[in-house]
Amino acid sequence: MNKDLLRMKTKKPNGNGLSSSGWEMRPGGMLVQKRSSDSNQSSTVVPIIRLKVKYGSSYHEVKISSQATFGEMKKMLAGPTGLHTEDQKIFYKEKERDSRGFLDVSGLKDGSKLLLIEDEISREKRYLESRRNAKMESASKEITSIRVEIDKLAKQVAHVEMDIYGGKKVTETLLLSLIELLMTQLIKLDGITADGDLKLQRRMQVKRVQKYIETLDMLKIRNSALGNHNVKVPMHHKNRIATGQMPKSIYYQQEQRKMGNGDFADQRSPGPVVVTTKWETF
């Protein structure tokens, strides 16, 4: 063994620095085996084959690598046949071929004939899936549009709440108008069919609308009790009023003014009347 290795080392390299025994000399003097990329052997050429594919009453000729897959051939047939790759079934020698299978492994050669038919079940599934996706996309756009409108109405409700809790009486028409607009958005939400995450988004907007309508119902009662004279509220209470955290002392002072007598302060009032709307589950 050592003698054979010694003979290989002593062989002279050719003009390209390569020995005839499959070894080569590196610039540093190290003798290593030839790399496949450095060999003079020509790379194997993968042949291109012509296949005839019958679809209905028509024949389609396909030029494709013999080492390609049936899935790659389906992509080439999608254009001339108009069939989606998922809707194609390819048969060779009366056996359906898997998209991951290789042509040469399945025995296809130049001039082989294949049969292509449409998978009606797959087509129906894709059609239903596309319709479902279209509905979900439409529902998403509708919910987004409604959410924008609710955001606008929410700001108006906040302003009205600020005015009323600040002692300023507003027209009842304004309150009724806001309630009507919110009810319109609620009806729109009720007409949207959604699943999964979109259903949660829809439910969230429904709860928002219900909350604002309940707030306006309470504001109607409070607004009707306000006199013609506005009750001034200190500026440092304005933010707390806007968030519904109005100090009780201010509330009782306003009620005493409205009642016009001193008996109210001695009575144990349960607090403001709260109207709660019973909502049906959407």
Protein backbone atom coordinates (compact mmCIF):
# COMPACT_ATOMS: atom_id res chain seq x y z
CA MET A 1 0.00 0.00 0.00
CA ASN A 2 2.80 2.45 0.93
CA LYS A 3 4.66 1.62 -2.28
CA ASP A 4 1.58 2.31 -4.40
CA LEU A 5 1.03 5.64 -2.67
CA LEU A 6 4.68 6.53 -3.19
CA ARG A 7 4.40 5.77 -6.92
CA MET A 8 1.36 8.03 -7.19
CA LYS A 9 3.22 10.86 -5.48
CA THR A 10 6.20 10.53 -7.76
CA LYS A 11 4.16 10.72 -10.96
CA LYS A 12 4.80 13.95 -12.79
CA PRO A 13 1.92 16.31 -13.33
CA ASN A 14 0.97 17.27 -16.89
CA GLY A 15 1.21 20.75 -18.33
CA ASN A 16 -1.86 21.94 -16.42
CA GLY A 17 -0.45 20.85 -13.08
CA LEU A 18 -2.63 17.71 -13.07
CA SER A 19 -1.37 14.17 -12.94
CA SER A 20 -2.74 11.45 -15.17
CA SER A 21 -3.71 9.38 -12.11
CA GLY A 22 -6.49 11.76 -10.95
CA TRP A 23 -4.33 13.72 -8.54
CA GLU A 24 -3.17 17.33 -8.72
CA MET A 25 -0.36 19.36 -7.21
CA ARG A 26 -1.35 22.45 -5.23
CA PRO A 27 0.92 25.58 -5.39
CA GLY A 28 2.13 24.83 -1.86
CA GLY A 29 3.37 21.39 -2.96
CA MET A 30 0.49 19.39 -1.51
CA LEU A 31 -0.78 16.51 -3.62
CA VAL A 32 -4.58 16.19 -3.50
CA GLN A 33 -7.25 14.36 -5.45
CA LYS A 34 -8.81 16.19 -8.34
CA ARG A 35 -12.05 18.03 -7.64
CA SER A 36 -14.97 17.10 -9.83
CA SER A 37 -15.36 20.71 -10.90
CA ASP A 38 -11.74 20.73 -12.07
CA SER A 39 -11.90 17.49 -14.01
CA ASN A 40 -11.86 17.46 -17.79
CA GLN A 41 -14.85 15.20 -17.89
CA SER A 42 -17.80 16.77 -19.70
CA SER A 43 -20.97 17.32 -17.63
CA THR A 44 -23.94 15.13 -18.40
CA VAL A 45 -26.49 16.84 -20.63
CA VAL A 46 -30.12 16.31 -19.56
CA PRO A 47 -32.13 15.55 -22.71
CA ILE A 48 -35.19 17.55 -23.67
CA ILE A 49 -38.11 15.34 -24.68
CA ARG A 50 -41.27 16.04 -26.64
CA LEU A 51 -44.52 14.81 -25.19
CA LYS A 52 -48.01 14.71 -26.68
CA VAL A 53 -50.78 15.54 -24.22
CA LYS A 54 -54.39 14.91 -25.17
CA TYR A 55 -57.01 17.18 -23.61
CA GLY A 56 -60.53 16.69 -24.89
CA SER A 57 -60.31 16.55 -28.66
CA SER A 58 -57.06 18.55 -28.83
CA TYR A 59 -53.40 17.55 -28.61
CA HIS A 60 -50.74 19.73 -27.06
CA GLU A 61 -47.02 19.22 -27.63
CA VAL A 62 -44.78 19.91 -24.66
CA LYS A 63 -40.99 20.26 -24.77
CA ILE A 64 -39.63 19.61 -21.31
CA SER A 65 -36.62 18.22 -19.48
CA SER A 66 -36.78 14.48 -18.97
CA GLN A 67 -35.90 15.05 -15.31
CA ALA A 68 -38.76 17.50 -14.70
CA THR A 69 -41.75 16.68 -12.51
CA PHE A 70 -45.36 16.29 -13.56
CA GLY A 71 -46.10 19.41 -11.52
CA GLU A 72 -43.76 21.42 -13.73
CA MET A 73 -45.48 20.03 -16.79
CA LYS A 74 -48.86 21.05 -15.39
CA LYS A 75 -47.61 24.63 -15.15
CA MET A 76 -46.67 24.50 -18.84
CA LEU A 77 -50.12 23.12 -19.73
CA ALA A 78 -52.03 25.74 -17.72
CA GLY A 79 -51.64 28.34 -20.46
CA PRO A 80 -52.72 26.43 -23.59
CA THR A 81 -55.48 24.44 -21.83
CA GLY A 82 -56.79 27.17 -19.53
CA LEU A 83 -56.84 24.75 -16.60
CA HIS A 84 -55.51 25.66 -13.18
CA THR A 85 -52.66 23.40 -12.10
CA GLU A 86 -54.75 22.14 -9.16
CA ASP A 87 -57.56 21.18 -11.54
CA GLN A 88 -55.37 18.99 -13.78
CA LYS A 89 -55.17 15.22 -13.70
CA ILE A 90 -52.45 13.66 -15.86
CA PHE A 91 -52.55 9.99 -16.81
CA TYR A 92 -49.74 7.94 -18.32
CA LYS A 93 -50.35 4.31 -19.22
CA GLU A 94 -53.83 4.56 -17.63
CA LYS A 95 -52.39 5.59 -14.26
CA GLU A 96 -52.75 9.02 -12.67
CA ARG A 97 -49.38 10.61 -11.97
CA ASP A 98 -48.54 12.57 -8.87
CA SER A 99 -47.35 16.15 -9.34
CA ARG A 100 -44.18 15.35 -7.38
CA GLY A 101 -43.26 12.42 -9.61
CA PHE A 102 -40.39 12.69 -12.13
CA LEU A 103 -40.96 12.08 -15.82
CA ASP A 104 -37.93 9.85 -16.41
CA VAL A 105 -38.60 7.79 -13.30
CA SER A 106 -42.13 7.15 -14.56
CA GLY A 107 -40.70 5.89 -17.86
CA LEU A 108 -41.57 8.81 -20.13
CA LYS A 109 -39.47 9.15 -23.25
CA ASP A 110 -39.39 11.32 -26.31
CA GLY A 111 -42.73 10.97 -28.09
CA SER A 112 -44.66 9.57 -25.10
CA LYS A 113 -48.39 10.28 -25.02
CA LEU A 114 -50.33 11.40 -21.98
CA LEU A 115 -53.96 12.13 -21.14
CA LEU A 116 -55.11 15.28 -19.36
CA ILE A 117 -58.55 15.64 -17.78
CA GLU A 118 -60.13 18.29 -15.56
CA ASP A 119 -60.60 17.53 -11.88
CA GLU A 120 -64.17 18.78 -11.33
CA ILE A 121 -64.10 18.24 -7.57
CA SER A 122 -60.97 20.33 -7.21
CA ARG A 123 -62.46 23.03 -9.42
CA GLU A 124 -65.61 23.15 -7.28
CA LYS A 125 -63.56 23.42 -4.09
CA ARG A 126 -61.50 26.25 -5.50
CA TYR A 127 -64.65 28.05 -6.65
CA LEU A 128 -66.25 27.81 -3.21
CA GLU A 129 -63.01 28.90 -1.56
CA SER A 130 -62.70 31.91 -3.86
CA ARG A 131 -66.30 32.91 -3.10
CA ARG A 132 -65.67 32.58 0.63
CA ASN A 133 -62.52 34.70 0.39
CA ALA A 134 -64.39 37.33 -1.61
CA LYS A 135 -67.14 37.49 1.03
CA MET A 136 -64.61 37.78 3.83
CA GLU A 137 -62.78 40.56 2.01
CA SER A 138 -66.07 42.40 1.45
CA ALA A 139 -67.04 41.93 5.11
CA SER A 140 -63.67 43.26 6.22
CA LYS A 141 -64.10 46.40 4.14
CA GLU A 142 -67.64 46.93 5.47
CA ILE A 143 -66.55 46.55 9.10
CA THR A 144 -63.68 48.99 8.55
CA SER A 145 -66.03 51.53 6.97
CA ILE A 146 -68.54 51.20 9.81
CA ARG A 147 -65.78 51.51 12.41
CA VAL A 148 -64.73 54.83 10.88
CA GLU A 149 -68.31 56.12 11.11
CA ILE A 150 -68.61 54.94 14.71
CA ASP A 151 -65.39 56.75 15.58
CA LYS A 152 -66.89 59.99 14.23
CA LEU A 153 -70.12 59.50 16.17
CA ALA A 154 -68.17 58.65 19.32
CA LYS A 155 -66.50 62.06 19.23
CA GLN A 156 -69.90 63.75 18.93
CA VAL A 157 -71.25 61.74 21.87
CA ALA A 158 -68.21 62.79 23.93
CA HIS A 159 -68.81 66.46 23.13
CA VAL A 160 -72.51 66.22 24.05
CA GLU A 161 -71.61 64.41 27.28
CA MET A 162 -69.15 67.17 28.12
CA ASP A 163 -71.80 69.84 27.56
CA ILE A 164 -74.55 68.14 29.56
CA TYR A 165 -72.38 67.17 32.51
CA GLY A 166 -71.03 70.69 32.40
CA GLY A 167 -74.56 71.99 32.93
CA LYS A 168 -75.25 73.06 29.36
CA LYS A 169 -78.55 71.92 27.96
CA VAL A 170 -78.58 70.68 24.35
CA THR A 171 -81.49 70.22 21.98
CA GLU A 172 -83.24 66.88 22.25
CA THR A 173 -83.15 66.65 18.46
CA LEU A 174 -79.37 66.34 18.59
CA LEU A 175 -79.56 63.43 21.01
CA LEU A 176 -82.23 61.65 18.99
CA SER A 177 -80.25 62.21 15.80
CA LEU A 178 -77.13 60.63 17.30
CA ILE A 179 -79.12 57.65 18.55
CA GLU A 180 -80.66 57.17 15.12
CA LEU A 181 -77.27 57.32 13.40
CA LEU A 182 -75.85 54.77 15.82
CA MET A 183 -78.83 52.48 15.31
CA THR A 184 -78.19 52.68 11.56
CA GLN A 185 -74.63 51.44 12.10
CA LEU A 186 -75.97 48.68 14.33
CA ILE A 187 -78.31 47.51 11.57
CA LYS A 188 -75.43 47.50 9.10
CA LEU A 189 -73.33 45.36 11.45
CA ASP A 190 -76.23 42.96 11.92
CA GLY A 191 -76.31 42.38 8.15
CA ILE A 192 -72.65 41.35 7.93
CA THR A 193 -71.81 37.64 7.86
CA ALA A 194 -68.34 36.96 9.22
CA ASP A 195 -66.24 34.16 10.69
CA GLY A 196 -63.16 33.91 12.85
CA ASP A 197 -61.31 37.14 13.49
CA LEU A 198 -63.78 39.20 11.46
CA LYS A 199 -66.61 37.95 13.66
CA LEU A 200 -64.74 39.19 16.73
CA GLN A 201 -64.15 42.57 15.08
CA ARG A 202 -67.84 42.84 14.23
CA ARG A 203 -68.88 41.95 17.78
CA MET A 204 -66.51 44.56 19.18
CA GLN A 205 -68.11 47.30 17.06
CA VAL A 206 -71.60 46.12 18.08
CA LYS A 207 -70.68 46.50 21.75
CA ARG A 208 -69.29 49.97 21.09
CA VAL A 209 -72.52 51.13 19.44
CA GLN A 210 -74.63 49.68 22.25
CA LYS A 211 -72.49 51.46 24.82
CA TYR A 212 -72.87 54.84 23.09
CA ILE A 213 -76.64 54.44 22.73
CA GLU A 214 -76.96 53.61 26.42
CA THR A 215 -74.89 56.71 27.21
CA LEU A 216 -77.20 58.87 25.10
CA ASP A 217 -80.26 57.39 26.83
CA MET A 218 -78.87 58.52 30.19
CA LEU A 219 -77.89 61.89 28.75
CA LYS A 220 -81.47 62.42 27.52
CA ILE A 221 -82.82 62.09 31.07
CA ARG A 222 -80.14 64.33 32.50
CA ASN A 223 -80.54 66.89 29.73
CA SER A 224 -84.32 67.12 30.20
CA ALA A 225 -83.79 67.90 33.89
CA LEU A 226 -81.48 70.80 33.19
CA GLY A 227 -82.94 74.29 33.57
CA ASN A 228 -82.58 77.12 31.12
CA HIS A 229 -79.60 78.49 33.06
CA ASN A 230 -76.29 76.79 32.52
CA VAL A 231 -74.48 75.42 35.58
CA LYS A 232 -70.85 76.40 35.55
CA VAL A 233 -68.30 73.71 36.35
CA PRO A 234 -64.68 74.50 37.28
CA MET A 235 -62.20 73.95 34.49
CA HIS A 236 -60.22 71.32 36.44
CA HIS A 237 -63.31 69.08 36.46
CA LYS A 238 -63.83 69.15 32.68
CA ASN A 239 -61.60 66.17 31.91
CA ARG A 240 -63.22 64.09 34.63
CA ILE A 241 -66.64 64.97 33.29
CA ALA A 242 -65.67 63.86 29.79
CA THR A 243 -64.66 60.44 31.09
CA GLY A 244 -67.79 60.00 33.23
CA GLN A 245 -65.91 60.57 36.51
CA MET A 246 -67.83 63.60 37.65
CA PRO A 247 -67.48 64.43 41.39
CA LYS A 248 -70.63 63.58 43.36
CA SER A 249 -70.61 66.89 45.18
CA ILE A 250 -71.02 68.80 41.92
CA TYR A 251 -73.78 66.45 40.83
CA TYR A 252 -75.74 66.94 44.07
CA GLN A 253 -75.29 70.72 43.95
CA GLN A 254 -76.75 70.77 40.45
CA GLU A 255 -79.69 68.60 41.56
CA GLN A 256 -80.39 70.90 44.50
CA ARG A 257 -80.54 73.89 42.20
CA LYS A 258 -82.96 72.05 39.92
CA MET A 259 -85.24 70.96 42.82
CA GLY A 260 -85.38 74.52 44.18
CA ASN A 261 -85.62 73.55 47.87
CA GLY A 262 -83.38 72.41 50.69
CA ASP A 263 -85.13 69.10 51.27
CA PHE A 264 -83.13 67.32 48.58
CA ALA A 265 -79.91 67.52 50.61
CA ASP A 266 -81.54 65.74 53.53
CA GLN A 267 -82.99 62.92 51.44
CA ARG A 268 -81.03 59.71 50.87
CA SER A 269 -81.10 59.69 47.11
CA PRO A 270 -79.92 56.48 45.41
CA GLY A 271 -78.10 58.59 42.84
CA PRO A 272 -78.82 59.36 39.17
CA VAL A 273 -81.31 57.28 37.25
CA VAL A 274 -79.56 54.86 34.91
CA VAL A 275 -81.40 53.51 31.89
CA THR A 276 -79.97 50.26 30.59
CA THR A 277 -81.03 49.06 27.18
CA LYS A 278 -81.45 45.30 26.86
CA TRP A 279 -79.71 44.25 23.69
CA GLU A 280 -80.25 41.14 21.69
CA THR A 281 -77.14 39.11 21.03
CA PHE A 282 -75.77 39.70 17.54
